[in-house]
Amino acid sequence: MIAREWADQANVGLLIDIGHSAVALAVQDIVRDKNRIAIYTSVGTTRITEESCTSNGFSWCYDAYALANGLTAALSQRGLKTWFLAVTDYAFGRSLEEEMRAAVGRTGGSVVGAVRHPEHASDFSSYILQAIAAKPQILGLLNSGEDMVNSLKQALEFGFPGQIAAPLVFITDVHAVGLSSAQGLTFVTAFYWDRTDDTRRFGQRFFAVQNAMPSMAQAAVYSGVSHYLKSVAAAGTTVNNAVLAKMRALPVNDFYADNGWLRADGRLMHDLYLVQVKSPSASKRPWDYYDVLATVSAEQAFRKPSESRCPLLRT
């Protein structure tokens, strides 16, 4: 594995921008054994901060629990509690379904129906018709990427009458599908470039290089690297134990996180934001895609320490 070679032969201290759950879990073992540091920026598995937690690994953006819990809690507060779930039938989708069902139950809501579809499906018509027949307030698209885009398009084509929500959406997904198809889609995000003056400044700097606005994962990478470098400077060394201590001691207070802090299980505690995609007529300039409806506090979004399976939260 490349990460092991880096740790053994190149003496790499930090691994970042890891976006696949299986890879992240393997890297977690390496940084624990080799005393390196990893920052996971777009990993859905909760195991990183629970049974596989280590003082060497940090989850900077989201996990399946936060995506499900933050979304259901925010929509419940707006009076929306009955769900129909369209689930991609592989590990990520099934894990997200489990978290969504639990989260819906915590809000006093109910799942009135669910279907599982194969990954990379092209025809969602039968699933959408089942959803319409079940008459939920919310259609939950528990998929991602191309599947999320295609299921969203077909839900709109068939005239799904309620709210459409998806736990995992990147701004690049919305850009790809266009506002005319994505309008009204509701989800939670860790970052939106047009939320504050600081996020706008970072967004414009990113755009000048990439000709696109940053996703929450890309913003998390920049934030994570910046925090690591600040911690190295504060420690006066690159020795990992000293750097790790400073990473935990220093707040993460930047364009990405407002007064964020690192919990013992490696979770960066930061707010999420409930957003809704604008209609084309409401968008005033390029990449003006979201209305920010509410802030979901870190304490509301992420799993409570008392419910965690991470032994580091018991010490």
C-alpha atoms as a PDB file:
ATOM      1  CA  MET A   1       0.000   0.000   0.000  1.00  0.00           C
ATOM      2  CA  ILE A   2       1.313   3.443  -0.932  1.00  0.00           C
ATOM      3  CA  ALA A   3       0.521   4.915   2.494  1.00  0.00           C
ATOM      4  CA  ARG A   4       2.640   2.253   4.196  1.00  0.00           C
ATOM      5  CA  GLU A   5       5.541   2.937   1.819  1.00  0.00           C
ATOM      6  CA  TRP A   6       5.282   6.640   2.600  1.00  0.00           C
ATOM      7  CA  ALA A   7       5.352   5.971   6.329  1.00  0.00           C
ATOM      8  CA  ASP A   8       8.175   3.408   6.174  1.00  0.00           C
ATOM      9  CA  GLN A   9      10.452   4.807   3.480  1.00  0.00           C
ATOM     10  CA  ALA A  10       9.666   8.502   3.000  1.00  0.00           C
ATOM     11  CA  ASN A  11       9.020   9.357   6.651  1.00  0.00           C
ATOM     12  CA  VAL A  12       5.785  11.128   5.692  1.00  0.00           C
ATOM     13  CA  GLY A  13       4.227  12.714   8.779  1.00  0.00           C
ATOM     14  CA  LEU A  14       0.776  13.710   7.473  1.00  0.00           C
ATOM     15  CA  LEU A  15      -1.638  11.924   5.147  1.00  0.00           C
ATOM     16  CA  ILE A  16      -4.669  13.945   4.031  1.00  0.00           C
ATOM     17  CA  ASP A  17      -7.386  14.084   1.366  1.00  0.00           C
ATOM     18  CA  ILE A  18      -8.534  10.512   1.932  1.00  0.00           C
ATOM     19  CA  GLY A  19     -12.023  10.071   0.508  1.00  0.00           C
ATOM     20  CA  HIS A  20     -12.844   6.360   0.570  1.00  0.00           C
ATOM     21  CA  SER A  21     -13.983   4.540   3.709  1.00  0.00           C
ATOM     22  CA  ALA A  22     -12.145   1.242   3.107  1.00  0.00           C
ATOM     23  CA  VAL A  23      -8.907   3.066   2.297  1.00  0.00           C
ATOM     24  CA  ALA A  24      -9.334   5.318   5.326  1.00  0.00           C
ATOM     25  CA  LEU A  25      -9.723   2.358   7.680  1.00  0.00           C
ATOM     26  CA  ALA A  26      -6.536   0.796   6.304  1.00  0.00           C
ATOM     27  CA  VAL A  27      -4.693   4.112   6.680  1.00  0.00           C
ATOM     28  CA  GLN A  28      -6.005   4.393  10.232  1.00  0.00           C
ATOM     29  CA  ASP A  29      -4.184   1.188  11.139  1.00  0.00           C
ATOM     30  CA  ILE A  30      -0.974   2.472   9.536  1.00  0.00           C
ATOM     31  CA  VAL A  31      -0.913   5.847  11.298  1.00  0.00           C
ATOM     32  CA  ARG A  32      -1.686   4.140  14.605  1.00  0.00           C
ATOM     33  CA  ASP A  33       1.134   1.616  14.179  1.00  0.00           C
ATOM     34  CA  LYS A  34       3.684   4.040  12.692  1.00  0.00           C
ATOM     35  CA  ASN A  35       2.764   7.095  14.790  1.00  0.00           C
ATOM     36  CA  ARG A  36       1.862   9.237  11.791  1.00  0.00           C
ATOM     37  CA  ILE A  37      -1.067  11.672  11.380  1.00  0.00           C
ATOM     38  CA  ALA A  38      -4.078  11.299   9.074  1.00  0.00           C
ATOM     39  CA  ILE A  39      -6.847  13.773   8.316  1.00  0.00           C
ATOM     40  CA  TYR A  40      -9.904  12.279   6.598  1.00  0.00           C
ATOM     41  CA  THR A  41     -11.805  14.868   4.596  1.00  0.00           C
ATOM     42  CA  SER A  42     -14.696  13.025   2.944  1.00  0.00           C
ATOM     43  CA  VAL A  43     -15.145   9.631   4.571  1.00  0.00           C
ATOM     44  CA  GLY A  44     -18.610   8.331   5.393  1.00  0.00           C
ATOM     45  CA  THR A  45     -17.800   5.499   7.769  1.00  0.00           C
ATOM     46  CA  THR A  46     -18.323   6.253  11.449  1.00  0.00           C
ATOM     47  CA  ARG A  47     -15.737   3.636  12.414  1.00  0.00           C
ATOM     48  CA  ILE A  48     -12.935   6.211  12.026  1.00  0.00           C
ATOM     49  CA  THR A  49     -14.094   7.983  15.194  1.00  0.00           C
ATOM     50  CA  GLU A  50     -15.659   4.973  16.892  1.00  0.00           C
ATOM     51  CA  GLU A  51     -14.366   1.382  17.168  1.00  0.00           C
ATOM     52  CA  SER A  52     -11.345   2.137  14.916  1.00  0.00           C
ATOM     53  CA  CYS A  53     -10.526   5.477  16.550  1.00  0.00           C
ATOM     54  CA  THR A  54      -6.938   6.467  17.293  1.00  0.00           C
ATOM     55  CA  SER A  55      -5.250   9.564  18.642  1.00  0.00           C
ATOM     56  CA  ASN A  56      -3.446   9.794  15.268  1.00  0.00           C
ATOM     57  CA  GLY A  57      -6.507  10.099  12.998  1.00  0.00           C
ATOM     58  CA  PHE A  58      -8.958  12.995  12.546  1.00  0.00           C
ATOM     59  CA  SER A  59     -12.292  13.170  10.723  1.00  0.00           C
ATOM     60  CA  TRP A  60     -12.559  16.727   9.419  1.00  0.00           C
ATOM     61  CA  CYS A  61     -15.757  16.946   7.394  1.00  0.00           C
ATOM     62  CA  TYR A  62     -18.675  14.520   7.916  1.00  0.00           C
ATOM     63  CA  ASP A  63     -19.683  10.925   8.503  1.00  0.00           C
ATOM     64  CA  ALA A  64     -22.852   8.944   7.854  1.00  0.00           C
ATOM     65  CA  TYR A  65     -24.212   9.666  11.332  1.00  0.00           C
ATOM     66  CA  ALA A  66     -23.826  13.434  10.996  1.00  0.00           C
ATOM     67  CA  LEU A  67     -25.283  13.535   7.483  1.00  0.00           C
ATOM     68  CA  ALA A  68     -28.340  11.564   8.585  1.00  0.00           C
ATOM     69  CA  ASN A  69     -28.768  13.094  12.018  1.00  0.00           C
ATOM     70  CA  GLY A  70     -28.174  16.682  10.962  1.00  0.00           C
ATOM     71  CA  LEU A  71     -30.585  16.438   8.041  1.00  0.00           C
ATOM     72  CA  THR A  72     -33.435  14.693   9.880  1.00  0.00           C
ATOM     73  CA  ALA A  73     -33.139  16.946  12.933  1.00  0.00           C
ATOM     74  CA  ALA A  74     -33.205  20.119  10.840  1.00  0.00           C
ATOM     75  CA  LEU A  75     -36.167  18.999   8.707  1.00  0.00           C
ATOM     76  CA  SER A  76     -38.051  17.751  11.749  1.00  0.00           C
ATOM     77  CA  GLN A  77     -37.818  21.213  13.242  1.00  0.00           C
ATOM     78  CA  ARG A  78     -39.553  22.428  10.074  1.00  0.00           C
ATOM     79  CA  GLY A  79     -42.426  19.954  10.580  1.00  0.00           C
ATOM     80  CA  LEU A  80     -41.266  17.326   8.062  1.00  0.00           C
ATOM     81  CA  LYS A  81     -41.107  13.843   9.611  1.00  0.00           C
ATOM     82  CA  THR A  82     -42.291  11.094   7.249  1.00  0.00           C
ATOM     83  CA  TRP A  83     -39.743   9.624   4.841  1.00  0.00           C
ATOM     84  CA  PHE A  84     -39.458   7.314   1.853  1.00  0.00           C
ATOM     85  CA  LEU A  85     -35.877   6.153   1.244  1.00  0.00           C
ATOM     86  CA  ALA A  86     -34.236   5.314  -2.097  1.00  0.00           C
ATOM     87  CA  VAL A  87     -31.035   3.505  -1.164  1.00  0.00           C
ATOM     88  CA  THR A  88     -28.076   2.522  -3.305  1.00  0.00           C
ATOM     89  CA  ASP A  89     -27.490  -1.162  -2.601  1.00  0.00           C
ATOM     90  CA  TYR A  90     -23.898  -1.347  -1.420  1.00  0.00           C
ATOM     91  CA  ALA A  91     -22.032  -0.754   1.830  1.00  0.00           C
ATOM     92  CA  PHE A  92     -22.270   3.058   1.858  1.00  0.00           C
ATOM     93  CA  GLY A  93     -25.988   3.099   1.066  1.00  0.00           C
ATOM     94  CA  ARG A  94     -26.884   0.377   3.554  1.00  0.00           C
ATOM     95  CA  SER A  95     -24.875   2.097   6.282  1.00  0.00           C
ATOM     96  CA  LEU A  96     -26.558   5.395   5.510  1.00  0.00           C
ATOM     97  CA  GLU A  97     -29.974   3.720   5.573  1.00  0.00           C
ATOM     98  CA  GLU A  98     -29.259   2.336   9.035  1.00  0.00           C
ATOM     99  CA  GLU A  99     -28.225   5.763  10.286  1.00  0.00           C
ATOM    100  CA  MET A 100     -31.221   7.459   8.619  1.00  0.00           C
ATOM    101  CA  ARG A 101     -33.745   5.063  10.152  1.00  0.00           C
ATOM    102  CA  ALA A 102     -32.255   5.616  13.593  1.00  0.00           C
ATOM    103  CA  ALA A 103     -32.144   9.395  13.102  1.00  0.00           C
ATOM    104  CA  VAL A 104     -35.742   9.553  11.886  1.00  0.00           C
ATOM    105  CA  GLY A 105     -36.786   7.555  14.945  1.00  0.00           C
ATOM    106  CA  ARG A 106     -35.004   9.975  17.269  1.00  0.00           C
ATOM    107  CA  THR A 107     -37.060  12.861  15.874  1.00  0.00           C
ATOM    108  CA  GLY A 108     -40.341  10.988  16.364  1.00  0.00           C
ATOM    109  CA  GLY A 109     -40.734  10.559  12.612  1.00  0.00           C
ATOM    110  CA  SER A 110     -41.284   7.433  10.541  1.00  0.00           C
ATOM    111  CA  VAL A 111     -40.012   5.724   7.408  1.00  0.00           C
ATOM    112  CA  VAL A 112     -43.136   4.836   5.419  1.00  0.00           C
ATOM    113  CA  GLY A 113     -41.275   2.926   2.719  1.00  0.00           C
ATOM    114  CA  ALA A 114     -37.870   2.156   1.229  1.00  0.00           C
ATOM    115  CA  VAL A 115     -36.371   0.599  -1.889  1.00  0.00           C
ATOM    116  CA  ARG A 116     -32.816  -0.421  -2.726  1.00  0.00           C
ATOM    117  CA  HIS A 117     -31.432   0.102  -6.202  1.00  0.00           C
ATOM    118  CA  PRO A 118     -28.220  -1.128  -7.824  1.00  0.00           C
ATOM    119  CA  GLU A 119     -25.264   1.201  -8.103  1.00  0.00           C
ATOM    120  CA  HIS A 120     -25.099   3.079 -11.422  1.00  0.00           C
ATOM    121  CA  ALA A 121     -28.776   2.517 -12.141  1.00  0.00           C
ATOM    122  CA  SER A 122     -30.248   4.319 -15.141  1.00  0.00           C
ATOM    123  CA  ASP A 123     -33.985   3.862 -14.585  1.00  0.00           C
ATOM    124  CA  PHE A 124     -35.453   4.991 -11.275  1.00  0.00           C
ATOM    125  CA  SER A 125     -39.060   5.249 -12.467  1.00  0.00           C
ATOM    126  CA  SER A 126     -40.437   2.270 -10.512  1.00  0.00           C
ATOM    127  CA  TYR A 127     -38.771   3.495  -7.309  1.00  0.00           C
ATOM    128  CA  ILE A 128     -40.118   7.007  -7.719  1.00  0.00           C
ATOM    129  CA  LEU A 129     -43.633   5.721  -8.368  1.00  0.00           C
ATOM    130  CA  GLN A 130     -43.452   3.663  -5.177  1.00  0.00           C
ATOM    131  CA  ALA A 131     -42.388   6.764  -3.307  1.00  0.00           C
ATOM    132  CA  ILE A 132     -45.264   8.813  -4.695  1.00  0.00           C
ATOM    133  CA  ALA A 133     -47.747   6.077  -3.762  1.00  0.00           C
ATOM    134  CA  ALA A 134     -46.451   5.970  -0.170  1.00  0.00           C
ATOM    135  CA  LYS A 135     -47.226   9.713   0.258  1.00  0.00           C
ATOM    136  CA  PRO A 136     -44.276  10.704   2.466  1.00  0.00           C
ATOM    137  CA  GLN A 137     -43.426  14.297   3.241  1.00  0.00           C
ATOM    138  CA  ILE A 138     -39.813  13.658   2.200  1.00  0.00           C
ATOM    139  CA  LEU A 139     -38.127  11.534  -0.441  1.00  0.00           C
ATOM    140  CA  GLY A 140     -34.654  10.713   0.856  1.00  0.00           C
ATOM    141  CA  LEU A 141     -32.062   9.928  -1.815  1.00  0.00           C
ATOM    142  CA  LEU A 142     -29.550   7.754   0.014  1.00  0.00           C
ATOM    143  CA  ASN A 143     -27.100   7.577  -2.835  1.00  0.00           C
ATOM    144  CA  SER A 144     -24.407   9.797  -4.277  1.00  0.00           C
ATOM    145  CA  GLY A 145     -22.800  11.048  -7.448  1.00  0.00           C
ATOM    146  CA  GLU A 146     -24.428   9.904 -10.680  1.00  0.00           C
ATOM    147  CA  ASP A 147     -27.096   7.869  -8.874  1.00  0.00           C
ATOM    148  CA  MET A 148     -28.162  10.864  -6.802  1.00  0.00           C
ATOM    149  CA  VAL A 149     -28.287  13.098  -9.873  1.00  0.00           C
ATOM    150  CA  ASN A 150     -30.315  10.613 -11.952  1.00  0.00           C
ATOM    151  CA  SER A 151     -32.770   9.774  -9.176  1.00  0.00           C
ATOM    152  CA  LEU A 152     -33.279  13.475  -8.494  1.00  0.00           C
ATOM    153  CA  LYS A 153     -33.949  14.218 -12.155  1.00  0.00           C
ATOM    154  CA  GLN A 154     -36.510  11.432 -12.417  1.00  0.00           C
ATOM    155  CA  ALA A 155     -38.234  12.375  -9.162  1.00  0.00           C
ATOM    156  CA  LEU A 156     -38.758  15.857 -10.601  1.00  0.00           C
ATOM    157  CA  GLU A 157     -39.871  14.467 -13.967  1.00  0.00           C
ATOM    158  CA  PHE A 158     -42.500  12.300 -12.263  1.00  0.00           C
ATOM    159  CA  GLY A 159     -43.647  15.218 -10.146  1.00  0.00           C
ATOM    160  CA  PHE A 160     -42.853  13.982  -6.653  1.00  0.00           C
ATOM    161  CA  PRO A 161     -45.065  16.317  -4.592  1.00  0.00           C
ATOM    162  CA  GLY A 162     -43.078  16.592  -1.378  1.00  0.00           C
ATOM    163  CA  GLN A 163     -39.635  17.628  -0.231  1.00  0.00           C
ATOM    164  CA  ILE A 164     -36.638  15.910  -1.816  1.00  0.00           C
ATOM    165  CA  ALA A 165     -33.598  15.561   0.425  1.00  0.00           C
ATOM    166  CA  ALA A 166     -30.232  13.834   0.096  1.00  0.00           C
ATOM    167  CA  PRO A 167     -27.711  13.349   2.895  1.00  0.00           C
ATOM    168  CA  LEU A 168     -24.597  13.604   0.706  1.00  0.00           C
ATOM    169  CA  VAL A 169     -24.419  16.335  -1.943  1.00  0.00           C
ATOM    170  CA  PHE A 170     -21.440  18.311  -3.190  1.00  0.00           C
ATOM    171  CA  ILE A 171     -21.708  21.673  -4.907  1.00  0.00           C
ATOM    172  CA  THR A 172     -20.125  20.031  -7.944  1.00  0.00           C
ATOM    173  CA  ASP A 173     -23.158  17.697  -8.119  1.00  0.00           C
ATOM    174  CA  VAL A 174     -25.487  20.702  -8.224  1.00  0.00           C
ATOM    175  CA  HIS A 175     -23.303  22.373 -10.841  1.00  0.00           C
ATOM    176  CA  ALA A 176     -23.376  19.236 -12.984  1.00  0.00           C
ATOM    177  CA  VAL A 177     -27.137  18.759 -12.894  1.00  0.00           C
ATOM    178  CA  GLY A 178     -28.032  22.480 -13.083  1.00  0.00           C
ATOM    179  CA  LEU A 179     -30.402  24.567 -10.998  1.00  0.00           C
ATOM    180  CA  SER A 180     -33.431  23.771 -13.154  1.00  0.00           C
ATOM    181  CA  SER A 181     -33.129  20.106 -12.148  1.00  0.00           C
ATOM    182  CA  ALA A 182     -31.700  20.487  -8.642  1.00  0.00           C
ATOM    183  CA  GLN A 183     -33.909  23.336  -7.391  1.00  0.00           C
ATOM    184  CA  GLY A 184     -35.534  22.588  -4.058  1.00  0.00           C
ATOM    185  CA  LEU A 185     -33.120  19.797  -3.130  1.00  0.00           C
ATOM    186  CA  THR A 186     -32.356  20.038   0.588  1.00  0.00           C
ATOM    187  CA  PHE A 187     -29.313  18.691   2.428  1.00  0.00           C
ATOM    188  CA  VAL A 188     -26.677  19.500   5.013  1.00  0.00           C
ATOM    189  CA  THR A 189     -23.182  20.631   4.136  1.00  0.00           C
ATOM    190  CA  ALA A 190     -20.056  21.410   6.128  1.00  0.00           C
ATOM    191  CA  PHE A 191     -19.147  24.361   3.922  1.00  0.00           C
ATOM    192  CA  TYR A 192     -20.681  26.781   1.439  1.00  0.00           C
ATOM    193  CA  TRP A 193     -18.490  29.335  -0.278  1.00  0.00           C
ATOM    194  CA  ASP A 194     -21.098  32.146  -0.169  1.00  0.00           C
ATOM    195  CA  ARG A 195     -21.992  31.937   3.533  1.00  0.00           C
ATOM    196  CA  THR A 196     -19.695  34.575   5.093  1.00  0.00           C
ATOM    197  CA  ASP A 197     -17.074  37.097   4.068  1.00  0.00           C
ATOM    198  CA  ASP A 198     -14.345  34.602   5.003  1.00  0.00           C
ATOM    199  CA  THR A 199     -15.875  31.770   2.953  1.00  0.00           C
ATOM    200  CA  ARG A 200     -16.317  34.115  -0.004  1.00  0.00           C
ATOM    201  CA  ARG A 201     -12.680  35.184   0.126  1.00  0.00           C
ATOM    202  CA  PHE A 202     -11.535  31.580   0.161  1.00  0.00           C
ATOM    203  CA  GLY A 203     -13.988  30.706  -2.595  1.00  0.00           C
ATOM    204  CA  GLN A 204     -12.723  33.462  -4.861  1.00  0.00           C
ATOM    205  CA  ARG A 205      -9.092  32.455  -4.291  1.00  0.00           C
ATOM    206  CA  PHE A 206      -9.962  28.842  -5.112  1.00  0.00           C
ATOM    207  CA  PHE A 207     -11.967  29.869  -8.166  1.00  0.00           C
ATOM    208  CA  ALA A 208      -9.061  31.898  -9.535  1.00  0.00           C
ATOM    209  CA  VAL A 209      -7.014  28.690  -9.703  1.00  0.00           C
ATOM    210  CA  GLN A 210      -9.636  25.997 -10.412  1.00  0.00           C
ATOM    211  CA  ASN A 211     -12.343  27.927 -12.299  1.00  0.00           C
ATOM    212  CA  ALA A 212     -14.869  26.359  -9.927  1.00  0.00           C
ATOM    213  CA  MET A 213     -16.015  26.993  -6.383  1.00  0.00           C
ATOM    214  CA  PRO A 214     -14.732  24.625  -3.667  1.00  0.00           C
ATOM    215  CA  SER A 215     -16.750  21.708  -2.366  1.00  0.00           C
ATOM    216  CA  MET A 216     -16.907  21.003   1.350  1.00  0.00           C
ATOM    217  CA  ALA A 217     -14.277  18.272   0.920  1.00  0.00           C
ATOM    218  CA  GLN A 218     -11.872  20.622  -0.841  1.00  0.00           C
ATOM    219  CA  ALA A 219     -12.383  23.279   1.821  1.00  0.00           C
ATOM    220  CA  ALA A 220     -11.767  20.653   4.514  1.00  0.00           C
ATOM    221  CA  VAL A 221      -8.431  19.711   2.924  1.00  0.00           C
ATOM    222  CA  TYR A 222      -7.226  23.324   3.047  1.00  0.00           C
ATOM    223  CA  SER A 223      -8.451  23.753   6.615  1.00  0.00           C
ATOM    224  CA  GLY A 224      -6.843  20.507   7.763  1.00  0.00           C
ATOM    225  CA  VAL A 225      -3.470  21.273   6.197  1.00  0.00           C
ATOM    226  CA  SER A 226      -3.550  24.804   7.635  1.00  0.00           C
ATOM    227  CA  HIS A 227      -4.278  23.504  11.126  1.00  0.00           C
ATOM    228  CA  TYR A 228      -1.468  20.969  10.873  1.00  0.00           C
ATOM    229  CA  LEU A 229       1.025  23.653   9.793  1.00  0.00           C
ATOM    230  CA  LYS A 230      -0.123  26.009  12.567  1.00  0.00           C
ATOM    231  CA  SER A 231       0.392  23.175  15.039  1.00  0.00           C
ATOM    232  CA  VAL A 232       3.886  22.467  13.693  1.00  0.00           C
ATOM    233  CA  ALA A 233       4.751  26.157  14.102  1.00  0.00           C
ATOM    234  CA  ALA A 234       3.335  26.242  17.636  1.00  0.00           C
ATOM    235  CA  ALA A 235       5.186  23.055  18.599  1.00  0.00           C
ATOM    236  CA  GLY A 236       8.433  24.254  17.046  1.00  0.00           C
ATOM    237  CA  THR A 237       9.015  20.767  15.666  1.00  0.00           C
ATOM    238  CA  THR A 238       7.617  18.204  13.244  1.00  0.00           C
ATOM    239  CA  VAL A 239       7.848  15.416  15.840  1.00  0.00           C
ATOM    240  CA  ASN A 240       4.382  13.905  15.682  1.00  0.00           C
ATOM    241  CA  ASN A 241       3.650  13.581  19.396  1.00  0.00           C
ATOM    242  CA  ALA A 242       4.300  17.290  19.924  1.00  0.00           C
ATOM    243  CA  VAL A 243       2.328  18.234  16.814  1.00  0.00           C
ATOM    244  CA  LEU A 244      -0.611  16.040  17.841  1.00  0.00           C
ATOM    245  CA  ALA A 245      -0.728  17.734  21.227  1.00  0.00           C
ATOM    246  CA  LYS A 246      -0.854  21.165  19.597  1.00  0.00           C
ATOM    247  CA  MET A 247      -3.496  20.063  17.080  1.00  0.00           C
ATOM    248  CA  ARG A 248      -5.761  19.111  19.976  1.00  0.00           C
ATOM    249  CA  ALA A 249      -4.928  22.196  22.038  1.00  0.00           C
ATOM    250  CA  LEU A 250      -5.431  24.815  19.328  1.00  0.00           C
ATOM    251  CA  PRO A 251      -8.961  25.760  18.157  1.00  0.00           C
ATOM    252  CA  VAL A 252      -9.829  25.400  14.483  1.00  0.00           C
ATOM    253  CA  ASN A 253     -11.099  28.862  13.753  1.00  0.00           C
ATOM    254  CA  ASP A 254     -10.950  29.640  10.044  1.00  0.00           C
ATOM    255  CA  PHE A 255     -13.165  30.074   6.972  1.00  0.00           C
ATOM    256  CA  TYR A 256     -14.216  26.413   7.318  1.00  0.00           C
ATOM    257  CA  ALA A 257     -14.966  26.039  11.023  1.00  0.00           C
ATOM    258  CA  ASP A 258     -16.132  28.654  13.508  1.00  0.00           C
ATOM    259  CA  ASN A 259     -14.391  27.812  16.794  1.00  0.00           C
ATOM    260  CA  GLY A 260     -14.039  24.140  15.918  1.00  0.00           C
ATOM    261  CA  TRP A 261     -12.187  21.786  18.222  1.00  0.00           C
ATOM    262  CA  LEU A 262     -10.820  18.250  18.110  1.00  0.00           C
ATOM    263  CA  ARG A 263     -12.505  15.712  20.331  1.00  0.00           C
ATOM    264  CA  ALA A 264     -10.577  12.775  21.820  1.00  0.00           C
ATOM    265  CA  ASP A 265     -12.045  10.390  19.245  1.00  0.00           C
ATOM    266  CA  GLY A 266     -10.583  12.459  16.389  1.00  0.00           C
ATOM    267  CA  ARG A 267     -13.813  14.188  15.419  1.00  0.00           C
ATOM    268  CA  LEU A 268     -13.480  17.838  14.417  1.00  0.00           C
ATOM    269  CA  MET A 269     -16.481  19.382  16.117  1.00  0.00           C
ATOM    270  CA  HIS A 270     -17.903  21.998  13.758  1.00  0.00           C
ATOM    271  CA  ASP A 271     -21.316  23.190  12.645  1.00  0.00           C
ATOM    272  CA  LEU A 272     -23.161  21.922   9.587  1.00  0.00           C
ATOM    273  CA  TYR A 273     -25.622  23.949   7.522  1.00  0.00           C
ATOM    274  CA  LEU A 274     -29.052  23.027   6.201  1.00  0.00           C
ATOM    275  CA  VAL A 275     -29.224  24.364   2.654  1.00  0.00           C
ATOM    276  CA  GLN A 276     -31.709  24.304  -0.195  1.00  0.00           C
ATOM    277  CA  VAL A 277     -30.848  24.643  -3.864  1.00  0.00           C
ATOM    278  CA  LYS A 278     -32.152  27.847  -5.401  1.00  0.00           C
ATOM    279  CA  SER A 279     -34.361  28.142  -8.448  1.00  0.00           C
ATOM    280  CA  PRO A 280     -32.672  29.509 -11.584  1.00  0.00           C
ATOM    281  CA  SER A 281     -34.508  32.810 -11.183  1.00  0.00           C
ATOM    282  CA  ALA A 282     -33.282  33.232  -7.595  1.00  0.00           C
ATOM    283  CA  SER A 283     -29.613  32.720  -8.507  1.00  0.00           C
ATOM    284  CA  LYS A 284     -27.984  36.083  -9.134  1.00  0.00           C
ATOM    285  CA  ARG A 285     -24.506  35.032 -10.328  1.00  0.00           C
ATOM    286  CA  PRO A 286     -22.475  31.935 -11.205  1.00  0.00           C
ATOM    287  CA  TRP A 287     -22.267  29.359  -8.385  1.00  0.00           C
ATOM    288  CA  ASP A 288     -24.938  31.210  -6.396  1.00  0.00           C
ATOM    289  CA  TYR A 289     -26.664  27.922  -5.689  1.00  0.00           C
ATOM    290  CA  TYR A 290     -27.816  27.631  -2.062  1.00  0.00           C
ATOM    291  CA  ASP A 291     -30.093  29.290   0.427  1.00  0.00           C
ATOM    292  CA  VAL A 292     -28.763  28.598   3.925  1.00  0.00           C
ATOM    293  CA  LEU A 293     -31.866  27.686   5.926  1.00  0.00           C
ATOM    294  CA  ALA A 294     -30.410  26.834   9.326  1.00  0.00           C
ATOM    295  CA  THR A 295     -27.258  26.081  11.286  1.00  0.00           C
ATOM    296  CA  VAL A 296     -26.991  22.588  12.757  1.00  0.00           C
ATOM    297  CA  SER A 297     -24.669  22.765  15.747  1.00  0.00           C
ATOM    298  CA  ALA A 298     -21.834  20.299  16.110  1.00  0.00           C
ATOM    299  CA  GLU A 299     -23.420  18.941  19.285  1.00  0.00           C
ATOM    300  CA  GLN A 300     -26.673  18.312  17.417  1.00  0.00           C
ATOM    301  CA  ALA A 301     -25.075  16.840  14.294  1.00  0.00           C
ATOM    302  CA  PHE A 302     -22.413  14.446  15.577  1.00  0.00           C
ATOM    303  CA  ARG A 303     -22.763  11.378  17.773  1.00  0.00           C
ATOM    304  CA  LYS A 304     -22.667  12.087  21.489  1.00  0.00           C
ATOM    305  CA  PRO A 305     -19.643  10.793  23.418  1.00  0.00           C
ATOM    306  CA  SER A 306     -21.930   8.740  25.664  1.00  0.00           C
ATOM    307  CA  GLU A 307     -23.180   6.828  22.591  1.00  0.00           C
ATOM    308  CA  SER A 308     -19.770   6.320  20.981  1.00  0.00           C
ATOM    309  CA  ARG A 309     -17.866   3.055  20.740  1.00  0.00           C
ATOM    310  CA  CYS A 310     -14.494   4.849  20.814  1.00  0.00           C
ATOM    311  CA  PRO A 311     -12.457   3.805  23.891  1.00  0.00           C
ATOM    312  CA  LEU A 312     -10.611   7.131  23.846  1.00  0.00           C
ATOM    313  CA  LEU A 313     -13.804   8.833  25.034  1.00  0.00           C
ATOM    314  CA  ARG A 314     -13.873   6.586  28.096  1.00  0.00           C
ATOM    315  CA  THR A 315     -10.481   7.637  29.434  1.00  0.00           C
END
